[in-house]
Amino acid sequence: MPKIIALHDITPQQRQKIKEIAPSYELTVTKAKDLAPGMIRNADILVGWSRTIEEEALAQDSKLKWIQAWSAGVDKLPLKKFEERAILLTNASGVHSVPITEHIFAMILAFNRNLHLAVRQQTNKRWDTSGTFTELAGKTMVIVGVGQIGSHTARIAQAFGMRTIGVRNSGKPDPHVDVMYTVGQIDEALAQGDYVVNILPLTAQTKDIFNHERFSAMKTSAFFVNVGRGATVITSDMIQALQSGALAGAGLDVFEEEPLPPEHPLWTMDNVIITPHMAGDTDRYGERAVEIFLDNLKSYVKDGTLIRNVIDYSRSY
C-alpha cells in the first residue's frame, strides 16, 4: 500500500478528506523527531520537510515521489538533490497572501501615522504630537516580485486609492498592477515609488539585488518594506541609505542574519520598524496549506500530475 506521511498537524476532518481522495494510501501523521527508521524511505508522498530526514528521504532505495513543502520559500531545501532523484516538489505559495499583505500595510500605516514613534513615547509616558503625517491615497507603491502575494498586495493598495507598479521576471501583466516592468527595468520602476515592497524569493539572480545602486534609484522620501528574503538586500547599503537620508524609512521582517544580533544598528534607528520574520504567521496557515495539498492530491491520484505550486528547479521557485 502506498504511503503518505505528514509532518504537520492535520485535523480529523482533513484526514478524512485525504482518505476519501486517496483511499488506497496509508496516512501517517507524526513529528519528524518521532519517525521510526525506514518510515520516510518507504513513503511515497511527504507533507512537510526536516533536515533530519534528508539522508533517508534521498537514499538510493527511497520511494519518495512527491514532497509538499509547508513553506512558500524553498531556497533552504536541497533542490538539486530533489531534481536528481526526480522528486516532485510543491510549496505553500498563496497561504501567505492575506497575512503578509496585512503585515505590509501595518508597517506602512504605522510609518505614515508615526505609530512606531508613538509606541515608544507611550512607554516613556511622553506626549509628543510633532512629526509629519501623510496618507496613502494618491501615492505609488512599487511591488518587486509580483506573485500571489504581490497581486493581493496590489489589489489592497488600489483600494486605498494608490497607483501600483510591479516588477517581475516575465513582465506579464496583472489585473491589479497599473504598470508592470521586467527585472531589467527595476531602476525605472523604483524611481516612481513612494513605497517599495520587496517580495522576491532568494535565487542566484535576486541575491543582493537591493544594493547601493537600487537604493540610489529610489526617492529620498520612499519607505522600503522587505517581506521577501533577507539575503536579497545588502544590509550595509540599506543602513547607509537610511542614515544619509537617501531613504526615508524601512519596515523589515527578514534579514541577512537571523535572529538579528542585539548589537545591530537597525534596532536603534527611529526610522526603522522591525518584526522577527513573522509576516506570514496566521492562525489559518494549516487550513490553507492543506487545501493546496488536497487539490494536488486529487490530481496526483488521478493521473500522477500536480496542478498547484509546482517548483521549477531551473528557477528555484
Protein backbone atom coordinates (compact mmCIF):
# COMPACT_ATOMS: atom_id res chain seq x y z
CA MET A 1 0.00 0.00 0.00
CA PRO A 2 1.43 3.44 -0.95
CA LYS A 3 2.06 5.77 1.98
CA ILE A 4 1.59 9.43 2.85
CA ILE A 5 3.48 10.87 5.81
CA ALA A 6 2.51 14.28 7.17
CA LEU A 7 4.96 16.03 9.49
CA HIS A 8 2.48 18.75 10.48
CA ASP A 9 -0.76 18.75 12.43
CA ILE A 10 -3.78 17.77 10.36
CA THR A 11 -7.29 17.90 11.77
CA PRO A 12 -9.54 14.81 11.86
CA GLN A 13 -11.71 16.43 9.16
CA GLN A 14 -8.68 16.98 6.93
CA ARG A 15 -7.50 13.41 7.48
CA GLN A 16 -10.91 12.17 6.41
CA LYS A 17 -10.73 14.22 3.22
CA ILE A 18 -7.30 12.75 2.42
CA LYS A 19 -8.67 9.23 2.90
CA GLU A 20 -11.66 9.99 0.67
CA ILE A 21 -9.43 11.36 -2.09
CA ALA A 22 -6.76 8.65 -1.79
CA PRO A 23 -8.43 5.55 -0.26
CA SER A 24 -5.61 3.26 -1.41
CA TYR A 25 -2.99 5.26 0.53
CA GLU A 26 -1.99 4.77 4.15
CA LEU A 27 -1.80 8.09 6.03
CA THR A 28 0.53 8.69 8.98
CA VAL A 29 0.59 11.99 10.84
CA THR A 30 3.64 12.41 13.07
CA LYS A 31 6.53 14.68 14.02
CA ALA A 32 9.95 14.32 12.42
CA LYS A 33 11.52 13.51 15.80
CA ASP A 34 9.04 10.64 16.30
CA LEU A 35 9.70 8.90 12.99
CA ALA A 36 10.82 5.30 13.19
CA PRO A 37 13.76 4.22 10.98
CA GLY A 38 12.63 3.38 7.47
CA MET A 39 9.34 5.28 7.57
CA ILE A 40 10.46 8.10 5.29
CA ARG A 41 12.30 5.71 2.99
CA ASN A 42 9.05 3.83 2.39
CA ALA A 43 6.81 6.89 1.95
CA ASP A 44 5.54 7.86 -1.49
CA ILE A 45 4.29 11.31 -0.51
CA LEU A 46 5.66 13.59 2.20
CA VAL A 47 3.88 16.63 3.63
CA GLY A 48 6.47 18.91 5.24
CA TRP A 49 10.24 18.68 5.46
CA SER A 50 13.02 18.46 8.05
CA ARG A 51 16.79 18.39 7.64
CA THR A 52 16.88 15.40 9.97
CA ILE A 53 15.17 13.19 7.36
CA GLU A 54 17.25 14.24 4.35
CA GLU A 55 19.59 11.25 4.30
CA GLU A 56 16.76 8.73 4.43
CA ALA A 57 14.47 10.62 2.07
CA LEU A 58 17.20 10.78 -0.57
CA ALA A 59 18.57 7.28 -0.04
CA GLN A 60 19.06 5.16 -3.15
CA ASP A 61 16.16 2.87 -2.25
CA SER A 62 13.80 5.67 -1.18
CA LYS A 63 10.31 5.51 -2.70
CA LEU A 64 9.65 9.20 -2.27
CA LYS A 65 7.99 10.74 -5.34
CA TRP A 66 6.40 14.00 -4.16
CA ILE A 67 7.07 16.48 -1.35
CA GLN A 68 4.51 19.11 -0.35
CA ALA A 69 6.55 21.78 1.38
CA TRP A 70 4.86 23.56 4.29
CA SER A 71 6.53 26.86 3.37
CA ALA A 72 6.36 29.16 0.35
CA GLY A 73 10.14 29.65 0.23
CA VAL A 74 12.12 26.58 -0.81
CA ASP A 75 15.62 28.09 -1.02
CA LYS A 76 16.74 26.19 2.09
CA LEU A 77 15.71 22.79 0.70
CA PRO A 78 18.17 20.53 -1.22
CA LEU A 79 16.64 21.33 -4.60
CA LYS A 80 19.44 19.88 -6.73
CA LYS A 81 19.16 16.54 -4.94
CA PHE A 82 15.39 16.53 -5.36
CA GLU A 83 15.82 17.21 -9.07
CA GLU A 84 18.42 14.46 -9.44
CA ARG A 85 16.02 11.98 -7.84
CA ALA A 86 13.11 13.28 -9.98
CA ILE A 87 11.12 14.10 -6.83
CA LEU A 88 8.23 16.47 -7.48
CA LEU A 89 8.08 19.48 -5.16
CA THR A 90 5.17 21.79 -4.42
CA ASN A 91 5.17 24.69 -1.98
CA ALA A 92 2.65 26.59 0.11
CA SER A 93 2.62 29.71 -2.05
CA GLY A 94 -0.69 31.52 -1.58
CA VAL A 95 -1.04 30.63 2.09
CA HIS A 96 0.68 33.89 2.99
CA SER A 97 -1.15 36.29 0.70
CA VAL A 98 -3.56 37.67 3.30
CA PRO A 99 -1.30 37.85 6.39
CA ILE A 100 1.74 39.20 4.55
CA THR A 101 -0.33 41.80 2.73
CA GLU A 102 -1.82 42.92 6.04
CA HIS A 103 1.66 43.00 7.57
CA ILE A 104 2.95 45.17 4.73
CA PHE A 105 0.17 47.69 5.29
CA ALA A 106 0.60 47.54 9.06
CA MET A 107 4.20 48.69 8.60
CA ILE A 108 3.36 51.35 6.02
CA LEU A 109 0.44 52.77 8.01
CA ALA A 110 2.49 52.75 11.21
CA PHE A 111 5.18 54.77 9.43
CA ASN A 112 2.68 57.16 7.83
CA ARG A 113 0.93 57.83 11.15
CA ASN A 114 4.13 57.70 13.26
CA LEU A 115 2.74 54.84 15.34
CA HIS A 116 6.22 53.34 15.74
CA LEU A 117 7.28 56.55 17.50
CA ALA A 118 4.03 56.84 19.46
CA VAL A 119 4.54 53.38 20.97
CA ARG A 120 7.99 54.41 22.18
CA GLN A 121 6.57 57.64 23.59
CA GLN A 122 3.82 55.71 25.36
CA THR A 123 6.44 53.53 27.04
CA ASN A 124 8.13 56.71 28.29
CA LYS A 125 4.80 58.42 29.19
CA ARG A 126 5.60 61.22 26.77
CA TRP A 127 3.03 63.35 24.88
CA ASP A 128 4.51 64.45 21.57
CA THR A 129 2.44 65.43 18.51
CA SER A 130 5.36 66.53 16.35
CA GLY A 131 6.27 64.87 13.08
CA THR A 132 4.95 64.62 9.53
CA PHE A 133 1.76 62.68 8.91
CA THR A 134 0.75 61.54 5.44
CA GLU A 135 -1.82 59.48 3.51
CA LEU A 136 -1.77 56.53 1.13
CA ALA A 137 -4.31 57.93 -1.32
CA GLY A 138 -2.63 59.19 -4.47
CA LYS A 139 0.74 57.61 -3.62
CA THR A 140 2.58 54.99 -5.70
CA MET A 141 3.53 51.52 -4.50
CA VAL A 142 6.22 49.54 -6.33
CA ILE A 143 5.99 45.79 -5.72
CA VAL A 144 9.15 43.88 -6.62
CA GLY A 145 8.35 40.20 -7.12
CA VAL A 146 4.71 40.08 -8.19
CA GLY A 147 3.37 36.62 -7.45
CA GLN A 148 0.27 35.69 -5.49
CA ILE A 149 1.27 37.87 -2.51
CA GLY A 150 2.23 40.80 -4.71
CA SER A 151 -1.01 40.62 -6.67
CA HIS A 152 -3.06 40.61 -3.46
CA THR A 153 -1.00 43.50 -2.07
CA ALA A 154 -1.60 45.48 -5.26
CA ARG A 155 -5.35 44.88 -5.02
CA ILE A 156 -5.44 46.26 -1.47
CA ALA A 157 -3.23 49.19 -2.49
CA GLN A 158 -5.72 50.10 -5.20
CA ALA A 159 -8.50 50.03 -2.60
CA PHE A 160 -6.55 52.71 -0.73
CA GLY A 161 -6.52 54.81 -3.91
CA MET A 162 -2.88 54.09 -4.71
CA ARG A 163 -1.16 53.68 -8.07
CA THR A 164 0.51 50.27 -8.38
CA ILE A 165 3.70 49.40 -10.23
CA GLY A 166 5.02 45.84 -10.44
CA VAL A 167 8.33 44.18 -11.25
CA ARG A 168 8.54 40.53 -12.26
CA ASN A 169 10.82 38.37 -14.41
CA SER A 170 8.28 37.76 -17.16
CA GLY A 171 6.84 41.27 -17.24
CA LYS A 172 3.44 39.56 -17.56
CA PRO A 173 0.54 41.92 -16.72
CA ASP A 174 -1.50 41.55 -13.53
CA PRO A 175 -5.09 42.80 -13.18
CA HIS A 176 -4.23 44.76 -10.02
CA VAL A 177 -0.97 46.29 -11.27
CA ASP A 178 -1.28 49.51 -13.26
CA VAL A 179 2.15 49.23 -14.89
CA MET A 180 4.39 46.13 -14.99
CA TYR A 181 8.17 46.15 -15.56
CA THR A 182 10.72 43.39 -16.02
CA VAL A 183 13.60 42.94 -13.58
CA GLY A 184 15.87 44.57 -16.17
CA GLN A 185 13.80 47.74 -15.79
CA ILE A 186 13.82 47.72 -11.98
CA ASP A 187 15.52 51.09 -11.50
CA GLU A 188 12.93 52.81 -13.71
CA ALA A 189 10.19 51.30 -11.55
CA LEU A 190 11.89 52.10 -8.22
CA ALA A 191 12.29 55.77 -9.14
CA GLN A 192 8.49 56.17 -9.10
CA GLY A 193 7.76 54.54 -5.74
CA ASP A 194 6.62 56.28 -2.57
CA TYR A 195 6.63 52.77 -1.08
CA VAL A 196 8.83 49.95 -2.36
CA VAL A 197 7.81 46.44 -1.30
CA ASN A 198 10.27 43.56 -1.78
CA ILE A 199 8.62 40.13 -2.03
CA LEU A 200 11.36 38.44 -4.06
CA PRO A 201 12.33 34.81 -3.44
CA LEU A 202 16.03 34.10 -2.93
CA THR A 203 17.73 32.85 -6.09
CA ALA A 204 21.15 33.32 -7.67
CA GLN A 205 19.66 36.24 -9.63
CA THR A 206 17.98 38.00 -6.69
CA LYS A 207 20.76 37.70 -4.09
CA ASP A 208 22.00 41.20 -3.14
CA ILE A 209 19.76 42.82 -5.77
CA PHE A 210 18.86 45.63 -3.35
CA ASN A 211 22.23 47.32 -3.14
CA HIS A 212 23.57 50.89 -3.20
CA GLU A 213 22.52 51.29 -6.83
CA ARG A 214 18.92 50.21 -6.10
CA PHE A 215 18.57 52.46 -3.07
CA SER A 216 20.04 55.37 -5.02
CA ALA A 217 17.35 54.86 -7.67
CA MET A 218 14.57 55.38 -5.10
CA LYS A 219 13.06 58.67 -3.97
CA THR A 220 14.61 60.10 -0.82
CA SER A 221 11.07 60.16 0.59
CA ALA A 222 10.48 56.43 -0.11
CA PHE A 223 9.68 53.82 2.53
CA PHE A 224 11.17 50.36 1.87
CA VAL A 225 9.46 47.16 3.06
CA ASN A 226 11.16 43.75 2.97
CA VAL A 227 8.99 40.68 3.49
CA GLY A 228 10.82 38.58 0.89
CA ARG A 229 14.24 37.25 1.82
CA GLY A 230 16.95 38.96 3.87
CA ALA A 231 19.75 37.99 1.52
CA THR A 232 18.17 39.90 -1.38
CA VAL A 233 19.34 43.06 0.41
CA ILE A 234 22.88 44.24 1.18
CA THR A 235 22.11 45.44 4.70
CA SER A 236 25.10 47.78 4.98
CA ASP A 237 23.98 49.59 1.81
CA MET A 238 20.46 49.93 3.18
CA ILE A 239 21.72 51.29 6.50
CA GLN A 240 23.86 53.84 4.68
CA ALA A 241 20.82 54.98 2.68
CA LEU A 242 18.72 55.26 5.87
CA GLN A 243 21.39 57.18 7.76
CA SER A 244 22.24 59.55 4.90
CA GLY A 245 18.63 60.46 4.14
CA ALA A 246 18.68 58.72 0.76
CA LEU A 247 15.81 56.57 2.08
CA ALA A 248 13.09 57.83 4.45
CA GLY A 249 12.47 54.62 6.34
CA ALA A 250 12.17 50.85 6.28
CA GLY A 251 9.86 48.13 7.55
CA LEU A 252 11.85 44.91 7.86
CA ASP A 253 10.62 41.40 8.60
CA VAL A 254 13.57 39.46 7.15
CA PHE A 255 17.33 39.93 7.48
CA GLU A 256 20.63 38.64 6.12
CA GLU A 257 21.36 37.27 9.60
CA GLU A 258 18.53 35.88 11.73
CA PRO A 259 17.93 36.40 14.57
CA LEU A 260 19.10 39.97 14.20
CA PRO A 261 22.01 40.37 16.69
CA PRO A 262 21.29 42.58 19.74
CA GLU A 263 24.15 44.94 18.85
CA HIS A 264 22.90 45.51 15.28
CA PRO A 265 22.43 49.22 14.44
CA LEU A 266 18.99 48.65 12.91
CA TRP A 267 17.48 48.11 16.38
CA THR A 268 18.05 51.71 17.45
CA MET A 269 17.12 53.54 14.24
CA ASP A 270 13.96 55.65 14.67
CA ASN A 271 13.02 55.34 11.00
CA VAL A 272 13.04 51.53 11.03
CA ILE A 273 10.26 49.14 12.06
CA ILE A 274 11.45 45.59 12.85
CA THR A 275 9.45 42.38 13.16
CA PRO A 276 11.05 38.93 13.72
CA HIS A 277 10.27 37.11 10.44
CA MET A 278 6.59 36.75 11.31
CA ALA A 279 4.79 38.45 8.41
CA GLY A 280 3.37 35.15 7.17
CA ASP A 281 2.19 33.90 10.55
CA THR A 282 -1.55 33.30 10.81
CA ASP A 283 -3.90 31.00 12.70
CA ARG A 284 -5.27 29.89 9.31
CA TYR A 285 -1.92 28.69 7.94
CA GLY A 286 -2.57 24.95 8.28
CA GLU A 287 -6.05 25.24 6.81
CA ARG A 288 -4.77 26.91 3.66
CA ALA A 289 -1.70 24.68 3.29
CA VAL A 290 -3.84 21.54 3.45
CA GLU A 291 -6.21 23.00 0.81
CA ILE A 292 -3.27 23.23 -1.61
CA PHE A 293 -2.22 19.67 -0.77
CA LEU A 294 -5.76 18.31 -1.27
CA ASP A 295 -6.11 19.95 -4.68
CA ASN A 296 -2.81 18.44 -5.76
CA LEU A 297 -3.61 15.07 -4.23
CA LYS A 298 -6.82 14.77 -6.29
CA SER A 299 -4.83 15.34 -9.47
CA TYR A 300 -1.93 13.12 -8.39
CA VAL A 301 -4.18 10.15 -7.59
CA LYS A 302 -5.98 10.61 -10.90
CA ASP A 303 -3.05 10.77 -13.31
CA GLY A 304 0.21 11.49 -11.42
CA THR A 305 0.22 15.21 -12.18
CA LEU A 306 0.25 18.23 -9.85
CA ILE A 307 -1.76 21.36 -10.59
CA ARG A 308 -0.76 23.93 -7.94
CA ASN A 309 2.54 25.48 -6.85
CA VAL A 310 4.89 23.09 -8.68
CA ILE A 311 8.50 24.19 -8.21
CA ASP A 312 10.55 24.69 -11.36
CA TYR A 313 14.03 23.50 -10.35
CA SER A 314 15.63 25.55 -13.14
CA ARG A 315 14.33 28.73 -11.48
CA SER A 316 14.42 27.57 -7.83
CA TYR A 317 10.83 28.69 -7.26
